[in-house]
C-alpha atoms as a PDB file:
ATOM      1  CA  MET A   1     -38.054 -31.138  11.808  1.00  0.00           C
ATOM      2  CA  SER A   2     -36.578 -28.112  13.588  1.00  0.00           C
ATOM      3  CA  LYS A   3     -33.646 -26.247  12.083  1.00  0.00           C
ATOM      4  CA  GLU A   4     -31.413 -27.278  14.993  1.00  0.00           C
ATOM      5  CA  LYS A   5     -32.287 -30.977  14.642  1.00  0.00           C
ATOM      6  CA  ARG A   6     -31.724 -30.833  10.877  1.00  0.00           C
ATOM      7  CA  LEU A   7     -28.323 -29.178  11.384  1.00  0.00           C
ATOM      8  CA  LEU A   8     -27.322 -31.770  13.964  1.00  0.00           C
ATOM      9  CA  ASN A   9     -28.354 -34.499  11.507  1.00  0.00           C
ATOM     10  CA  THR A  10     -26.177 -32.858   8.846  1.00  0.00           C
ATOM     11  CA  PHE A  11     -23.156 -32.919  11.167  1.00  0.00           C
ATOM     12  CA  MET A  12     -23.830 -36.582  11.977  1.00  0.00           C
ATOM     13  CA  LYS A  13     -24.342 -37.564   8.302  1.00  0.00           C
ATOM     14  CA  LEU A  14     -21.102 -35.905   7.239  1.00  0.00           C
ATOM     15  CA  THR A  15     -19.165 -37.467  10.120  1.00  0.00           C
ATOM     16  CA  LYS A  16     -20.575 -40.930   9.374  1.00  0.00           C
ATOM     17  CA  LEU A  17     -19.847 -40.523   5.662  1.00  0.00           C
ATOM     18  CA  MET A  18     -16.120 -40.142   6.450  1.00  0.00           C
ATOM     19  CA  LYS A  19     -16.084 -43.861   7.300  1.00  0.00           C
ATOM     20  CA  SER A  20     -17.480 -44.950   3.940  1.00  0.00           C
ATOM     21  CA  SER A  21     -16.788 -42.403   1.185  1.00  0.00           C
ATOM     22  CA  ARG A  22     -14.040 -40.254  -0.272  1.00  0.00           C
ATOM     23  CA  ASP A  23     -16.365 -38.764  -2.909  1.00  0.00           C
ATOM     24  CA  ILE A  24     -16.243 -34.982  -2.403  1.00  0.00           C
ATOM     25  CA  ASN A  25     -19.397 -34.578  -4.515  1.00  0.00           C
ATOM     26  CA  GLU A  26     -21.383 -36.654  -2.042  1.00  0.00           C
ATOM     27  CA  TYR A  27     -20.327 -34.418   0.872  1.00  0.00           C
ATOM     28  CA  LEU A  28     -21.165 -31.269  -1.054  1.00  0.00           C
ATOM     29  CA  GLN A  29     -24.594 -32.473  -2.166  1.00  0.00           C
ATOM     30  CA  ILE A  30     -25.612 -33.631   1.321  1.00  0.00           C
ATOM     31  CA  THR A  31     -24.516 -30.294   2.757  1.00  0.00           C
ATOM     32  CA  LEU A  32     -26.265 -28.131   0.151  1.00  0.00           C
ATOM     33  CA  VAL A  33     -29.562 -30.050   0.343  1.00  0.00           C
ATOM     34  CA  ASP A  34     -29.596 -30.052   4.159  1.00  0.00           C
ATOM     35  CA  VAL A  35     -28.738 -26.343   4.293  1.00  0.00           C
ATOM     36  CA  VAL A  36     -31.633 -25.514   1.928  1.00  0.00           C
ATOM     37  CA  TYR A  37     -34.021 -27.488   4.138  1.00  0.00           C
ATOM     38  CA  ALA A  38     -32.702 -26.105   7.433  1.00  0.00           C
ATOM     39  CA  PHE A  39     -32.640 -22.413   6.494  1.00  0.00           C
ATOM     40  CA  LYS A  40     -35.275 -22.482   3.723  1.00  0.00           C
ATOM     41  CA  PHE A  41     -32.869 -20.869   1.249  1.00  0.00           C
ATOM     42  CA  GLU A  42     -34.171 -20.232  -2.238  1.00  0.00           C
ATOM     43  CA  ARG A  43     -30.904 -21.368  -3.802  1.00  0.00           C
ATOM     44  CA  CYS A  44     -27.710 -22.877  -2.465  1.00  0.00           C
ATOM     45  CA  SER A  45     -24.739 -23.410  -4.779  1.00  0.00           C
ATOM     46  CA  PHE A  46     -21.234 -24.734  -4.723  1.00  0.00           C
ATOM     47  CA  LEU A  47     -19.123 -22.636  -7.062  1.00  0.00           C
ATOM     48  CA  MET A  48     -15.796 -24.269  -7.841  1.00  0.00           C
ATOM     49  CA  ILE A  49     -12.633 -22.391  -8.818  1.00  0.00           C
ATOM     50  CA  SER A  50     -11.727 -23.059 -12.454  1.00  0.00           C
ATOM     51  CA  ASP A  51      -8.405 -24.748 -13.203  1.00  0.00           C
ATOM     52  CA  ASP A  52      -6.934 -21.451 -14.426  1.00  0.00           C
ATOM     53  CA  LYS A  53      -8.291 -19.655 -11.329  1.00  0.00           C
ATOM     54  CA  THR A  54      -9.997 -16.940 -13.421  1.00  0.00           C
ATOM     55  CA  GLN A  55     -13.574 -17.748 -12.430  1.00  0.00           C
ATOM     56  CA  VAL A  56     -15.865 -19.740 -10.197  1.00  0.00           C
ATOM     57  CA  ARG A  57     -18.429 -21.989 -11.877  1.00  0.00           C
ATOM     58  CA  SER A  58     -21.454 -23.817 -10.600  1.00  0.00           C
ATOM     59  CA  ARG A  59     -20.686 -27.428  -9.715  1.00  0.00           C
ATOM     60  CA  PHE A  60     -23.939 -27.949  -7.804  1.00  0.00           C
ATOM     61  CA  VAL A  61     -26.979 -25.697  -7.613  1.00  0.00           C
ATOM     62  CA  ILE A  62     -29.846 -26.715  -5.316  1.00  0.00           C
ATOM     63  CA  ASN A  63     -33.209 -24.918  -5.500  1.00  0.00           C
ATOM     64  CA  SER A  64     -35.754 -24.166  -2.764  1.00  0.00           C
ATOM     65  CA  GLN A  65     -37.309 -27.638  -3.172  1.00  0.00           C
ATOM     66  CA  ALA A  66     -33.856 -29.132  -2.447  1.00  0.00           C
ATOM     67  CA  GLN A  67     -33.576 -30.444  -6.001  1.00  0.00           C
ATOM     68  CA  ASN A  68     -30.838 -29.978  -8.580  1.00  0.00           C
ATOM     69  CA  ASP A  69     -31.248 -26.737 -10.485  1.00  0.00           C
ATOM     70  CA  GLN A  70     -29.844 -26.518 -14.012  1.00  0.00           C
ATOM     71  CA  THR A  71     -28.880 -22.847 -13.587  1.00  0.00           C
ATOM     72  CA  LYS A  72     -25.362 -22.309 -14.898  1.00  0.00           C
ATOM     73  CA  ILE A  73     -23.361 -19.819 -12.877  1.00  0.00           C
ATOM     74  CA  SER A  74     -19.988 -18.448 -13.909  1.00  0.00           C
ATOM     75  CA  ILE A  75     -18.439 -15.431 -12.195  1.00  0.00           C
ATOM     76  CA  ASP A  76     -15.106 -13.882 -13.105  1.00  0.00           C
ATOM     77  CA  VAL A  77     -12.728 -13.524 -10.158  1.00  0.00           C
ATOM     78  CA  ARG A  78      -9.575 -12.405 -11.968  1.00  0.00           C
ATOM     79  CA  GLN A  79     -10.568  -9.367 -14.061  1.00  0.00           C
ATOM     80  CA  SER A  80     -12.306  -7.431 -11.298  1.00  0.00           C
ATOM     81  CA  ASP A  81     -12.378  -7.287  -7.547  1.00  0.00           C
ATOM     82  CA  ASN A  82     -15.687  -8.636  -6.242  1.00  0.00           C
ATOM     83  CA  ALA A  83     -17.128 -10.139  -3.054  1.00  0.00           C
ATOM     84  CA  ILE A  84     -16.489 -13.749  -4.140  1.00  0.00           C
ATOM     85  CA  ARG A  85     -12.865 -12.989  -4.978  1.00  0.00           C
ATOM     86  CA  ARG A  86     -12.463 -11.378  -1.543  1.00  0.00           C
ATOM     87  CA  VAL A  87     -13.784 -14.550   0.134  1.00  0.00           C
ATOM     88  CA  LEU A  88     -11.449 -16.735  -1.956  1.00  0.00           C
ATOM     89  CA  ASP A  89      -8.432 -14.547  -1.142  1.00  0.00           C
ATOM     90  CA  SER A  90      -9.162 -13.937   2.548  1.00  0.00           C
ATOM     91  CA  LYS A  91     -10.739 -17.356   3.285  1.00  0.00           C
ATOM     92  CA  VAL A  92     -13.258 -15.451   5.428  1.00  0.00           C
ATOM     93  CA  PRO A  93     -17.046 -15.818   4.919  1.00  0.00           C
ATOM     94  CA  VAL A  94     -19.125 -12.799   3.928  1.00  0.00           C
ATOM     95  CA  LEU A  95     -22.803 -11.983   4.410  1.00  0.00           C
ATOM     96  CA  ILE A  96     -24.439  -9.517   2.019  1.00  0.00           C
ATOM     97  CA  ASN A  97     -27.971  -8.680   3.142  1.00  0.00           C
ATOM     98  CA  ASP A  98     -28.093  -5.377   1.261  1.00  0.00           C
ATOM     99  CA  PRO A  99     -26.089  -5.463  -1.980  1.00  0.00           C
ATOM    100  CA  ALA A 100     -26.838  -1.759  -2.578  1.00  0.00           C
ATOM    101  CA  HIS A 101     -25.150  -0.732   0.699  1.00  0.00           C
ATOM    102  CA  ARG A 102     -22.043   1.447   0.253  1.00  0.00           C
ATOM    103  CA  GLN A 103     -19.959  -1.252   2.006  1.00  0.00           C
ATOM    104  CA  TRP A 104     -20.336  -3.433  -1.113  1.00  0.00           C
ATOM    105  CA  ARG A 105     -20.322  -0.699  -3.787  1.00  0.00           C
ATOM    106  CA  ASP A 106     -16.687  -1.231  -4.856  1.00  0.00           C
ATOM    107  CA  ILE A 107     -16.911  -5.022  -4.989  1.00  0.00           C
ATOM    108  CA  MET A 108     -20.365  -5.438  -6.528  1.00  0.00           C
ATOM    109  CA  THR A 109     -19.766  -6.152 -10.214  1.00  0.00           C
ATOM    110  CA  LYS A 110     -22.664  -6.249 -12.677  1.00  0.00           C
ATOM    111  CA  GLU A 111     -22.201 -10.046 -12.903  1.00  0.00           C
ATOM    112  CA  LEU A 112     -22.394 -10.448  -9.122  1.00  0.00           C
ATOM    113  CA  ALA A 113     -25.391  -8.093  -8.828  1.00  0.00           C
ATOM    114  CA  GLU A 114     -27.277 -10.236 -11.390  1.00  0.00           C
ATOM    115  CA  PHE A 115     -26.407 -13.354  -9.375  1.00  0.00           C
ATOM    116  CA  ILE A 116     -27.660 -11.826  -6.097  1.00  0.00           C
ATOM    117  CA  GLN A 117     -30.867 -10.478  -7.699  1.00  0.00           C
ATOM    118  CA  SER A 118     -31.268  -7.742  -5.024  1.00  0.00           C
ATOM    119  CA  GLY A 119     -31.593 -10.453  -2.395  1.00  0.00           C
ATOM    120  CA  SER A 120     -29.343 -11.726   0.382  1.00  0.00           C
ATOM    121  CA  LEU A 121     -26.213 -13.791  -0.179  1.00  0.00           C
ATOM    122  CA  ALA A 122     -23.940 -15.687   2.194  1.00  0.00           C
ATOM    123  CA  ILE A 123     -20.567 -16.664   0.692  1.00  0.00           C
ATOM    124  CA  ILE A 124     -18.502 -19.225   2.615  1.00  0.00           C
ATOM    125  CA  PRO A 125     -15.160 -20.673   1.483  1.00  0.00           C
ATOM    126  CA  VAL A 126     -14.882 -24.440   0.942  1.00  0.00           C
ATOM    127  CA  LYS A 127     -11.415 -25.685   1.818  1.00  0.00           C
ATOM    128  CA  ILE A 128      -9.387 -28.843   1.837  1.00  0.00           C
ATOM    129  CA  GLY A 129      -6.698 -28.187   4.415  1.00  0.00           C
ATOM    130  CA  ASP A 130      -5.717 -24.578   3.814  1.00  0.00           C
ATOM    131  CA  LYS A 131      -6.492 -24.668   0.077  1.00  0.00           C
ATOM    132  CA  VAL A 132      -9.731 -23.005  -1.023  1.00  0.00           C
ATOM    133  CA  ILE A 133     -11.451 -25.031  -3.764  1.00  0.00           C
ATOM    134  CA  GLY A 134     -14.574 -22.883  -4.102  1.00  0.00           C
ATOM    135  CA  VAL A 135     -17.416 -21.245  -2.212  1.00  0.00           C
ATOM    136  CA  VAL A 136     -20.873 -22.149  -0.977  1.00  0.00           C
ATOM    137  CA  CYS A 137     -23.379 -19.425  -1.852  1.00  0.00           C
ATOM    138  CA  ALA A 138     -26.689 -19.477   0.039  1.00  0.00           C
ATOM    139  CA  GLN A 139     -29.386 -17.082  -1.158  1.00  0.00           C
ATOM    140  CA  TYR A 140     -32.736 -15.496  -0.560  1.00  0.00           C
ATOM    141  CA  PHE A 141     -34.075 -13.580  -3.551  1.00  0.00           C
ATOM    142  CA  SER A 142     -35.891 -10.293  -3.484  1.00  0.00           C
ATOM    143  CA  ASN A 143     -39.029  -9.761  -5.488  1.00  0.00           C
ATOM    144  CA  GLU A 144     -40.464  -6.539  -6.886  1.00  0.00           C
ATOM    145  CA  GLU A 145     -43.419  -6.361  -4.461  1.00  0.00           C
ATOM    146  CA  THR A 146     -41.191  -6.339  -1.397  1.00  0.00           C
ATOM    147  CA  LYS A 147     -39.010  -3.601  -2.891  1.00  0.00           C
ATOM    148  CA  GLU A 148     -42.034  -1.342  -3.212  1.00  0.00           C
ATOM    149  CA  GLU A 149     -42.893  -1.936   0.436  1.00  0.00           C
ATOM    150  CA  ASN A 150     -39.552  -0.488   1.523  1.00  0.00           C
ATOM    151  CA  ASN A 151     -37.952  -3.931   1.964  1.00  0.00           C
ATOM    152  CA  THR A 152     -40.128  -4.710   4.989  1.00  0.00           C
ATOM    153  CA  ASN A 153     -40.792  -8.248   3.757  1.00  0.00           C
ATOM    154  CA  LYS A 154     -37.337  -8.896   2.318  1.00  0.00           C
ATOM    155  CA  ARG A 155     -35.798 -12.058   3.716  1.00  0.00           C
ATOM    156  CA  THR A 156     -32.337 -11.586   5.069  1.00  0.00           C
ATOM    157  CA  VAL A 157     -29.902 -13.985   6.677  1.00  0.00           C
ATOM    158  CA  SER A 158     -29.768 -13.363  10.430  1.00  0.00           C
ATOM    159  CA  THR A 159     -26.437 -13.247  12.258  1.00  0.00           C
ATOM    160  CA  ASP A 160     -27.341 -16.478  14.108  1.00  0.00           C
ATOM    161  CA  ASP A 161     -28.249 -18.274  10.884  1.00  0.00           C
ATOM    162  CA  PHE A 162     -25.051 -17.037   9.240  1.00  0.00           C
ATOM    163  CA  GLN A 163     -22.951 -18.335  12.144  1.00  0.00           C
ATOM    164  CA  GLN A 164     -24.755 -21.700  12.070  1.00  0.00           C
ATOM    165  CA  LEU A 165     -24.321 -21.928   8.288  1.00  0.00           C
ATOM    166  CA  CYS A 166     -20.603 -21.154   8.648  1.00  0.00           C
ATOM    167  CA  SER A 167     -20.328 -23.911  11.288  1.00  0.00           C
ATOM    168  CA  VAL A 168     -21.868 -26.456   8.902  1.00  0.00           C
ATOM    169  CA  ILE A 169     -19.444 -25.444   6.135  1.00  0.00           C
ATOM    170  CA  ASP A 170     -16.533 -25.548   8.631  1.00  0.00           C
ATOM    171  CA  HIS A 171     -17.544 -29.135   9.436  1.00  0.00           C
ATOM    172  CA  LEU A 172     -17.769 -29.920   5.719  1.00  0.00           C
ATOM    173  CA  ASN A 173     -14.242 -28.480   5.322  1.00  0.00           C
ATOM    174  CA  PHE A 174     -13.004 -30.611   8.222  1.00  0.00           C
ATOM    175  CA  CYS A 175     -14.529 -33.752   6.679  1.00  0.00           C
ATOM    176  CA  LEU A 176     -13.072 -32.989   3.219  1.00  0.00           C
ATOM    177  CA  THR A 177      -9.656 -32.379   4.745  1.00  0.00           C
ATOM    178  CA  MET A 178      -9.794 -35.646   6.719  1.00  0.00           C
ATOM    179  CA  ILE A 179     -10.806 -37.809   3.740  1.00  0.00           C
ATOM    180  CA  MET A 180      -8.098 -36.289   1.553  1.00  0.00           C
ATOM    181  CA  LEU A 181      -5.403 -36.904   4.181  1.00  0.00           C
ATOM    182  CA  HIS A 182      -6.231 -40.585   4.643  1.00  0.00           C
END
């Protein structure tokens, strides 16, 4: 199935689900699995803001085979400024294709660098109404062989893919907002 057809199916599934379910987890899982299939991400996670708002923690982690991954992710967002905190505060998605770039130097904590693994990371806010409840993180990892080849084989998220991914998460946000209002 083409990426475009898969994305259209995701929009339709989420829209149809609004008629039958108010289970946020169901919406998130459908979205993460479909996004992994459509863009062939190596990992796609929903990181939820903790009750005390000091960190984001993995609620769902989907691997490259679109199956649940038991990886536990916890990233501090109170003690230090980092890219995830910026997305939570600004409610604006971020794409990091080169975590070593000077643009990210001041907001790339050791914890976040370990999470990215020298790969590419898209961070998109998940909202109900205007309230951010967490972020979707979609990733390609970098391996040692590609680093030695001057990053020529490193997978990055294209601008088009990033915009399409943001549109899917915007639709997810719309659906979550609608089910919580009714």
